[in-house]
Amino acid sequence: MALARATSLRGSSGTGFRVTMDENKISAAVQACITDALKSDKPYRSINDSLLMLKRLGWTEEERLEVQTRVLHEMKQRRNTGQS
């Protein structure tokens, strides 16, 4: 699963303090989530499973909502343009 690779970017600054809303981490999770969803016969279930995995890995609600928002926006764009 692509998301498993992306979650290795879990995010800390190296100083012991958690980095909030790390753009690279968010972007990697979004791309991985979309990739997994497009490979699935149930893409929205796949998205839900990916978001649940992020929760289990300790991502904040803010981070998960950002991933969810971007993923759903991208899926909507793909649907509207006929991409798969």
PDB file of N, CA and C in Angstrom:
ATOM      1  N   MET A   1       0.841  -1.173   0.000  1.00  0.00           N
ATOM      2  CA  MET A   1       0.000   0.000   0.000  1.00  0.00           C
ATOM      3  C   MET A   1       0.888   1.238   0.000  1.00  0.00           C
ATOM      4  N   ALA A   2       0.592   2.145  -0.875  1.00  0.00           N
ATOM      5  CA  ALA A   2       1.396   3.349  -1.009  1.00  0.00           C
ATOM      6  C   ALA A   2       1.361   4.199   0.250  1.00  0.00           C
ATOM      7  N   LEU A   3       0.256   4.192   0.951  1.00  0.00           N
ATOM      8  CA  LEU A   3       0.146   5.022   2.139  1.00  0.00           C
ATOM      9  C   LEU A   3       1.119   4.584   3.222  1.00  0.00           C
ATOM     10  N   ALA A   4       1.381   3.313   3.312  1.00  0.00           N
ATOM     11  CA  ALA A   4       2.322   2.834   4.315  1.00  0.00           C
ATOM     12  C   ALA A   4       3.696   3.458   4.118  1.00  0.00           C
ATOM     13  N   ARG A   5       4.104   3.636   2.866  1.00  0.00           N
ATOM     14  CA  ARG A   5       5.385   4.295   2.597  1.00  0.00           C
ATOM     15  C   ARG A   5       5.327   5.765   2.969  1.00  0.00           C
ATOM     16  N   ALA A   6       4.238   6.415   2.672  1.00  0.00           N
ATOM     17  CA  ALA A   6       4.113   7.847   2.943  1.00  0.00           C
ATOM     18  C   ALA A   6       4.088   8.137   4.433  1.00  0.00           C
ATOM     19  N   THR A   7       3.578   7.223   5.230  1.00  0.00           N
ATOM     20  CA  THR A   7       3.463   7.491   6.652  1.00  0.00           C
ATOM     21  C   THR A   7       4.797   7.426   7.355  1.00  0.00           C
ATOM     22  N   SER A   8       5.835   6.991   6.670  1.00  0.00           N
ATOM     23  CA  SER A   8       7.154   7.048   7.279  1.00  0.00           C
ATOM     24  C   SER A   8       7.605   8.493   7.425  1.00  0.00           C
ATOM     25  N   LEU A   9       6.874   9.419   6.814  1.00  0.00           N
ATOM     26  CA  LEU A   9       7.160  10.842   6.925  1.00  0.00           C
ATOM     27  C   LEU A   9       6.423  11.433   8.121  1.00  0.00           C
ATOM     28  N   ARG A  10       6.248  10.665   9.141  1.00  0.00           N
ATOM     29  CA  ARG A  10       5.373  10.984  10.249  1.00  0.00           C
ATOM     30  C   ARG A  10       5.642  12.341  10.861  1.00  0.00           C
ATOM     31  N   GLY A  11       6.834  12.821  10.806  1.00  0.00           N
ATOM     32  CA  GLY A  11       7.075  14.212  11.135  1.00  0.00           C
ATOM     33  C   GLY A  11       7.526  14.520  12.537  1.00  0.00           C
ATOM     34  N   SER A  12       8.771  14.831  12.645  1.00  0.00           N
ATOM     35  CA  SER A  12       9.277  15.492  13.835  1.00  0.00           C
ATOM     36  C   SER A  12      10.426  16.343  13.359  1.00  0.00           C
ATOM     37  N   SER A  13      10.715  17.360  14.080  1.00  0.00           N
ATOM     38  CA  SER A  13      11.702  18.326  13.626  1.00  0.00           C
ATOM     39  C   SER A  13      13.123  17.911  13.936  1.00  0.00           C
ATOM     40  N   GLY A  14      13.304  16.798  14.600  1.00  0.00           N
ATOM     41  CA  GLY A  14      14.638  16.393  15.009  1.00  0.00           C
ATOM     42  C   GLY A  14      14.990  16.968  16.375  1.00  0.00           C
ATOM     43  N   THR A  15      14.180  17.854  16.882  1.00  0.00           N
ATOM     44  CA  THR A  15      14.411  18.462  18.191  1.00  0.00           C
ATOM     45  C   THR A  15      13.499  17.858  19.236  1.00  0.00           C
ATOM     46  N   GLY A  16      12.691  16.901  18.840  1.00  0.00           N
ATOM     47  CA  GLY A  16      11.756  16.282  19.766  1.00  0.00           C
ATOM     48  C   GLY A  16      10.382  16.935  19.750  1.00  0.00           C
ATOM     49  N   PHE A  17      10.228  18.032  19.041  1.00  0.00           N
ATOM     50  CA  PHE A  17       8.941  18.703  18.930  1.00  0.00           C
ATOM     51  C   PHE A  17       8.281  18.316  17.628  1.00  0.00           C
ATOM     52  N   ARG A  18       7.021  18.025  17.688  1.00  0.00           N
ATOM     53  CA  ARG A  18       6.270  17.613  16.501  1.00  0.00           C
ATOM     54  C   ARG A  18       6.090  18.800  15.562  1.00  0.00           C
ATOM     55  N   VAL A  19       6.347  18.574  14.293  1.00  0.00           N
ATOM     56  CA  VAL A  19       6.109  19.598  13.282  1.00  0.00           C
ATOM     57  C   VAL A  19       4.647  19.510  12.886  1.00  0.00           C
ATOM     58  N   THR A  20       3.929  20.624  12.968  1.00  0.00           N
ATOM     59  CA  THR A  20       2.523  20.591  12.608  1.00  0.00           C
ATOM     60  C   THR A  20       2.362  20.964  11.147  1.00  0.00           C
ATOM     61  N   MET A  21       1.474  20.261  10.497  1.00  0.00           N
ATOM     62  CA  MET A  21       1.120  20.517   9.105  1.00  0.00           C
ATOM     63  C   MET A  21       2.351  20.579   8.193  1.00  0.00           C
ATOM     64  N   ASP A  22       3.182  19.571   8.275  1.00  0.00           N
ATOM     65  CA  ASP A  22       4.344  19.452   7.399  1.00  0.00           C
ATOM     66  C   ASP A  22       3.843  19.230   5.972  1.00  0.00           C
ATOM     67  N   GLU A  23       4.092  20.181   5.106  1.00  0.00           N
ATOM     68  CA  GLU A  23       3.577  20.143   3.733  1.00  0.00           C
ATOM     69  C   GLU A  23       4.028  18.894   2.984  1.00  0.00           C
ATOM     70  N   ASN A  24       5.284  18.513   3.139  1.00  0.00           N
ATOM     71  CA  ASN A  24       5.780  17.319   2.442  1.00  0.00           C
ATOM     72  C   ASN A  24       5.070  16.063   2.918  1.00  0.00           C
ATOM     73  N   LYS A  25       4.850  15.978   4.216  1.00  0.00           N
ATOM     74  CA  LYS A  25       4.163  14.821   4.786  1.00  0.00           C
ATOM     75  C   LYS A  25       2.725  14.754   4.284  1.00  0.00           C
ATOM     76  N   ILE A  26       2.045  15.886   4.302  1.00  0.00           N
ATOM     77  CA  ILE A  26       0.655  15.939   3.853  1.00  0.00           C
ATOM     78  C   ILE A  26       0.568  15.568   2.373  1.00  0.00           C
ATOM     79  N   SER A  27       1.431  16.167   1.570  1.00  0.00           N
ATOM     80  CA  SER A  27       1.415  15.907   0.117  1.00  0.00           C
ATOM     81  C   SER A  27       1.684  14.441  -0.199  1.00  0.00           C
ATOM     82  N   ALA A  28       2.634  13.851   0.510  1.00  0.00           N
ATOM     83  CA  ALA A  28       2.946  12.436   0.279  1.00  0.00           C
ATOM     84  C   ALA A  28       1.760  11.550   0.645  1.00  0.00           C
ATOM     85  N   ALA A  29       1.092  11.862   1.743  1.00  0.00           N
ATOM     86  CA  ALA A  29      -0.071  11.073   2.153  1.00  0.00           C
ATOM     87  C   ALA A  29      -1.213  11.225   1.157  1.00  0.00           C
ATOM     88  N   VAL A  30      -1.415  12.436   0.655  1.00  0.00           N
ATOM     89  CA  VAL A  30      -2.470  12.678  -0.334  1.00  0.00           C
ATOM     90  C   VAL A  30      -2.196  11.861  -1.592  1.00  0.00           C
ATOM     91  N   GLN A  31      -0.996  11.933  -2.103  1.00  0.00           N
ATOM     92  CA  GLN A  31      -0.650  11.188  -3.319  1.00  0.00           C
ATOM     93  C   GLN A  31      -0.804   9.687  -3.113  1.00  0.00           C
ATOM     94  N   ALA A  32      -0.347   9.201  -1.968  1.00  0.00           N
ATOM     95  CA  ALA A  32      -0.458   7.771  -1.681  1.00  0.00           C
ATOM     96  C   ALA A  32      -1.917   7.349  -1.563  1.00  0.00           C
ATOM     97  N   CYS A  33      -2.712   8.163  -0.921  1.00  0.00           N
ATOM     98  CA  CYS A  33      -4.133   7.858  -0.743  1.00  0.00           C
ATOM     99  C   CYS A  33      -4.851   7.811  -2.095  1.00  0.00           C
ATOM    100  N   ILE A  34      -4.557   8.771  -2.953  1.00  0.00           N
ATOM    101  CA  ILE A  34      -5.164   8.800  -4.288  1.00  0.00           C
ATOM    102  C   ILE A  34      -4.728   7.589  -5.102  1.00  0.00           C
ATOM    103  N   THR A  35      -3.452   7.272  -5.044  1.00  0.00           N
ATOM    104  CA  THR A  35      -2.928   6.111  -5.776  1.00  0.00           C
ATOM    105  C   THR A  35      -3.646   4.837  -5.347  1.00  0.00           C
ATOM    106  N   ASP A  36      -3.763   4.640  -4.038  1.00  0.00           N
ATOM    107  CA  ASP A  36      -4.450   3.451  -3.526  1.00  0.00           C
ATOM    108  C   ASP A  36      -5.919   3.440  -3.941  1.00  0.00           C
ATOM    109  N   ALA A  37      -6.570   4.592  -3.864  1.00  0.00           N
ATOM    110  CA  ALA A  37      -7.996   4.678  -4.207  1.00  0.00           C
ATOM    111  C   ALA A  37      -8.230   4.344  -5.673  1.00  0.00           C
ATOM    112  N   LEU A  38      -7.360   4.836  -6.538  1.00  0.00           N
ATOM    113  CA  LEU A  38      -7.537   4.591  -7.970  1.00  0.00           C
ATOM    114  C   LEU A  38      -7.306   3.131  -8.349  1.00  0.00           C
ATOM    115  N   LYS A  39      -6.548   2.415  -7.544  1.00  0.00           N
ATOM    116  CA  LYS A  39      -6.297   0.995  -7.789  1.00  0.00           C
ATOM    117  C   LYS A  39      -7.418   0.113  -7.231  1.00  0.00           C
ATOM    118  N   SER A  40      -8.242   0.690  -6.377  1.00  0.00           N
ATOM    119  CA  SER A  40      -9.263  -0.076  -5.672  1.00  0.00           C
ATOM    120  C   SER A  40     -10.572  -0.126  -6.453  1.00  0.00           C
ATOM    121  N   ASP A  41     -11.310  -1.221  -6.264  1.00  0.00           N
ATOM    122  CA  ASP A  41     -12.645  -1.287  -6.855  1.00  0.00           C
ATOM    123  C   ASP A  41     -13.659  -0.530  -5.994  1.00  0.00           C
ATOM    124  N   LYS A  42     -13.252  -0.127  -4.787  1.00  0.00           N
ATOM    125  CA  LYS A  42     -14.060   0.700  -3.891  1.00  0.00           C
ATOM    126  C   LYS A  42     -13.200   1.876  -3.425  1.00  0.00           C
ATOM    127  N   PRO A  43     -13.031   2.878  -4.293  1.00  0.00           N
ATOM    128  CA  PRO A  43     -12.077   3.952  -3.986  1.00  0.00           C
ATOM    129  C   PRO A  43     -12.389   4.740  -2.718  1.00  0.00           C
ATOM    130  N   TYR A  44     -13.640   5.003  -2.431  1.00  0.00           N
ATOM    131  CA  TYR A  44     -13.950   5.796  -1.237  1.00  0.00           C
ATOM    132  C   TYR A  44     -13.773   5.001   0.045  1.00  0.00           C
ATOM    133  N   ARG A  45     -13.948   3.711  -0.025  1.00  0.00           N
ATOM    134  CA  ARG A  45     -13.619   2.858   1.126  1.00  0.00           C
ATOM    135  C   ARG A  45     -12.116   2.861   1.342  1.00  0.00           C
ATOM    136  N   SER A  46     -11.359   2.823   0.259  1.00  0.00           N
ATOM    137  CA  SER A  46      -9.905   2.880   0.358  1.00  0.00           C
ATOM    138  C   SER A  46      -9.453   4.183   1.008  1.00  0.00           C
ATOM    139  N   ILE A  47     -10.073   5.292   0.618  1.00  0.00           N
ATOM    140  CA  ILE A  47      -9.746   6.594   1.212  1.00  0.00           C
ATOM    141  C   ILE A  47     -10.040   6.564   2.712  1.00  0.00           C
ATOM    142  N   ASN A  48     -11.197   6.051   3.081  1.00  0.00           N
ATOM    143  CA  ASN A  48     -11.553   5.954   4.490  1.00  0.00           C
ATOM    144  C   ASN A  48     -10.549   5.100   5.263  1.00  0.00           C
ATOM    145  N   ASP A  49     -10.151   3.971   4.691  1.00  0.00           N
ATOM    146  CA  ASP A  49      -9.168   3.099   5.339  1.00  0.00           C
ATOM    147  C   ASP A  49      -7.832   3.820   5.513  1.00  0.00           C
ATOM    148  N   SER A  50      -7.441   4.592   4.505  1.00  0.00           N
ATOM    149  CA  SER A  50      -6.183   5.335   4.579  1.00  0.00           C
ATOM    150  C   SER A  50      -6.231   6.381   5.693  1.00  0.00           C
ATOM    151  N   LEU A  51      -7.349   7.072   5.796  1.00  0.00           N
ATOM    152  CA  LEU A  51      -7.492   8.080   6.848  1.00  0.00           C
ATOM    153  C   LEU A  51      -7.495   7.438   8.230  1.00  0.00           C
ATOM    154  N   LEU A  52      -8.098   6.285   8.341  1.00  0.00           N
ATOM    155  CA  LEU A  52      -8.088   5.558   9.610  1.00  0.00           C
ATOM    156  C   LEU A  52      -6.660   5.148   9.980  1.00  0.00           C
ATOM    157  N   MET A  53      -5.882   4.727   8.992  1.00  0.00           N
ATOM    158  CA  MET A  53      -4.497   4.355   9.246  1.00  0.00           C
ATOM    159  C   MET A  53      -3.707   5.562   9.771  1.00  0.00           C
ATOM    160  N   LEU A  54      -3.948   6.722   9.179  1.00  0.00           N
ATOM    161  CA  LEU A  54      -3.258   7.929   9.646  1.00  0.00           C
ATOM    162  C   LEU A  54      -3.611   8.234  11.100  1.00  0.00           C
ATOM    163  N   LYS A  55      -4.880   8.029  11.450  1.00  0.00           N
ATOM    164  CA  LYS A  55      -5.305   8.244  12.835  1.00  0.00           C
ATOM    165  C   LYS A  55      -4.574   7.303  13.773  1.00  0.00           C
ATOM    166  N   ARG A  56      -4.493   6.046  13.394  1.00  0.00           N
ATOM    167  CA  ARG A  56      -3.802   5.048  14.220  1.00  0.00           C
ATOM    168  C   ARG A  56      -2.320   5.353  14.362  1.00  0.00           C
ATOM    169  N   LEU A  57      -1.766   6.026  13.359  1.00  0.00           N
ATOM    170  CA  LEU A  57      -0.341   6.378  13.399  1.00  0.00           C
ATOM    171  C   LEU A  57      -0.074   7.672  14.171  1.00  0.00           C
ATOM    172  N   GLY A  58      -1.131   8.267  14.697  1.00  0.00           N
ATOM    173  CA  GLY A  58      -0.953   9.429  15.547  1.00  0.00           C
ATOM    174  C   GLY A  58      -1.018  10.773  14.855  1.00  0.00           C
ATOM    175  N   TRP A  59      -1.495  10.794  13.609  1.00  0.00           N
ATOM    176  CA  TRP A  59      -1.648  12.076  12.919  1.00  0.00           C
ATOM    177  C   TRP A  59      -2.745  12.864  13.628  1.00  0.00           C
ATOM    178  N   THR A  60      -2.565  14.176  13.684  1.00  0.00           N
ATOM    179  CA  THR A  60      -3.564  15.025  14.343  1.00  0.00           C
ATOM    180  C   THR A  60      -4.826  15.087  13.489  1.00  0.00           C
ATOM    181  N   GLU A  61      -5.910  15.502  14.122  1.00  0.00           N
ATOM    182  CA  GLU A  61      -7.161  15.665  13.384  1.00  0.00           C
ATOM    183  C   GLU A  61      -6.993  16.700  12.272  1.00  0.00           C
ATOM    184  N   GLU A  62      -6.275  17.764  12.565  1.00  0.00           N
ATOM    185  CA  GLU A  62      -6.029  18.808  11.572  1.00  0.00           C
ATOM    186  C   GLU A  62      -5.302  18.252  10.345  1.00  0.00           C
ATOM    187  N   GLU A  63      -4.292  17.418  10.585  1.00  0.00           N
ATOM    188  CA  GLU A  63      -3.545  16.809   9.476  1.00  0.00           C
ATOM    189  C   GLU A  63      -4.436  15.873   8.668  1.00  0.00           C
ATOM    190  N   ARG A  64      -5.210  15.052   9.360  1.00  0.00           N
ATOM    191  CA  ARG A  64      -6.089  14.109   8.660  1.00  0.00           C
ATOM    192  C   ARG A  64      -7.157  14.834   7.853  1.00  0.00           C
ATOM    193  N   LEU A  65      -7.708  15.900   8.404  1.00  0.00           N
ATOM    194  CA  LEU A  65      -8.713  16.667   7.668  1.00  0.00           C
ATOM    195  C   LEU A  65      -8.108  17.339   6.441  1.00  0.00           C
ATOM    196  N   GLU A  66      -6.873  17.781   6.541  1.00  0.00           N
ATOM    197  CA  GLU A  66      -6.206  18.384   5.384  1.00  0.00           C
ATOM    198  C   GLU A  66      -6.000  17.342   4.281  1.00  0.00           C
ATOM    199  N   VAL A  67      -5.559  16.144   4.672  1.00  0.00           N
ATOM    200  CA  VAL A  67      -5.400  15.058   3.699  1.00  0.00           C
ATOM    201  C   VAL A  67      -6.756  14.732   3.079  1.00  0.00           C
ATOM    202  N   GLN A  68      -7.777  14.574   3.901  1.00  0.00           N
ATOM    203  CA  GLN A  68      -9.119  14.244   3.404  1.00  0.00           C
ATOM    204  C   GLN A  68      -9.617  15.299   2.425  1.00  0.00           C
ATOM    205  N   THR A  69      -9.473  16.559   2.775  1.00  0.00           N
ATOM    206  CA  THR A  69      -9.948  17.647   1.918  1.00  0.00           C
ATOM    207  C   THR A  69      -9.255  17.622   0.567  1.00  0.00           C
ATOM    208  N   ARG A  70      -7.941  17.458   0.585  1.00  0.00           N
ATOM    209  CA  ARG A  70      -7.183  17.457  -0.678  1.00  0.00           C
ATOM    210  C   ARG A  70      -7.505  16.232  -1.529  1.00  0.00           C
ATOM    211  N   VAL A  71      -7.641  15.082  -0.876  1.00  0.00           N
ATOM    212  CA  VAL A  71      -7.944  13.854  -1.616  1.00  0.00           C
ATOM    213  C   VAL A  71      -9.324  13.957  -2.266  1.00  0.00           C
ATOM    214  N   LEU A  72     -10.313  14.381  -1.500  1.00  0.00           N
ATOM    215  CA  LEU A  72     -11.664  14.480  -2.061  1.00  0.00           C
ATOM    216  C   LEU A  72     -11.728  15.526  -3.165  1.00  0.00           C
ATOM    217  N   HIS A  73     -10.995  16.607  -3.028  1.00  0.00           N
ATOM    218  CA  HIS A  73     -10.939  17.619  -4.088  1.00  0.00           C
ATOM    219  C   HIS A  73     -10.341  17.015  -5.366  1.00  0.00           C
ATOM    220  N   GLU A  74      -9.258  16.290  -5.219  1.00  0.00           N
ATOM    221  CA  GLU A  74      -8.609  15.664  -6.387  1.00  0.00           C
ATOM    222  C   GLU A  74      -9.516  14.625  -7.033  1.00  0.00           C
ATOM    223  N   MET A  75     -10.200  13.835  -6.223  1.00  0.00           N
ATOM    224  CA  MET A  75     -11.108  12.827  -6.773  1.00  0.00           C
ATOM    225  C   MET A  75     -12.260  13.504  -7.521  1.00  0.00           C
ATOM    226  N   LYS A  76     -12.756  14.604  -6.987  1.00  0.00           N
ATOM    227  CA  LYS A  76     -13.819  15.349  -7.659  1.00  0.00           C
ATOM    228  C   LYS A  76     -13.314  15.903  -8.991  1.00  0.00           C
ATOM    229  N   GLN A  77     -12.110  16.455  -8.990  1.00  0.00           N
ATOM    230  CA  GLN A  77     -11.524  16.981 -10.223  1.00  0.00           C
ATOM    231  C   GLN A  77     -11.389  15.873 -11.273  1.00  0.00           C
ATOM    232  N   ARG A  78     -10.928  14.719 -10.855  1.00  0.00           N
ATOM    233  CA  ARG A  78     -10.769  13.591 -11.773  1.00  0.00           C
ATOM    234  C   ARG A  78     -12.113  13.154 -12.335  1.00  0.00           C
ATOM    235  N   ARG A  79     -13.125  13.102 -11.489  1.00  0.00           N
ATOM    236  CA  ARG A  79     -14.463  12.724 -11.950  1.00  0.00           C
ATOM    237  C   ARG A  79     -14.992  13.735 -12.962  1.00  0.00           C
ATOM    238  N   ASN A  80     -14.812  15.014 -12.679  1.00  0.00           N
ATOM    239  CA  ASN A  80     -15.319  16.062 -13.557  1.00  0.00           C
ATOM    240  C   ASN A  80     -14.605  16.124 -14.906  1.00  0.00           C
ATOM    241  N   THR A  81     -13.353  15.684 -14.941  1.00  0.00           N
ATOM    242  CA  THR A  81     -12.602  15.699 -16.196  1.00  0.00           C
ATOM    243  C   THR A  81     -12.585  14.332 -16.881  1.00  0.00           C
ATOM    244  N   GLY A  82     -13.203  13.342 -16.247  1.00  0.00           N
ATOM    245  CA  GLY A  82     -13.271  12.020 -16.847  1.00  0.00           C
ATOM    246  C   GLY A  82     -12.007  11.194 -16.687  1.00  0.00           C
ATOM    247  N   GLN A  83     -11.098  11.613 -15.803  1.00  0.00           N
ATOM    248  CA  GLN A  83      -9.874  10.839 -15.556  1.00  0.00           C
ATOM    249  C   GLN A  83     -10.181   9.706 -14.605  1.00  0.00           C
ATOM    250  N   SER A  84      -9.315   8.678 -14.676  1.00  0.00           N
ATOM    251  CA  SER A  84      -9.451   7.596 -13.708  1.00  0.00           C
ATOM    252  C   SER A  84      -8.139   7.321 -13.044  1.00  0.00           C
TER     253      SER A  84
END
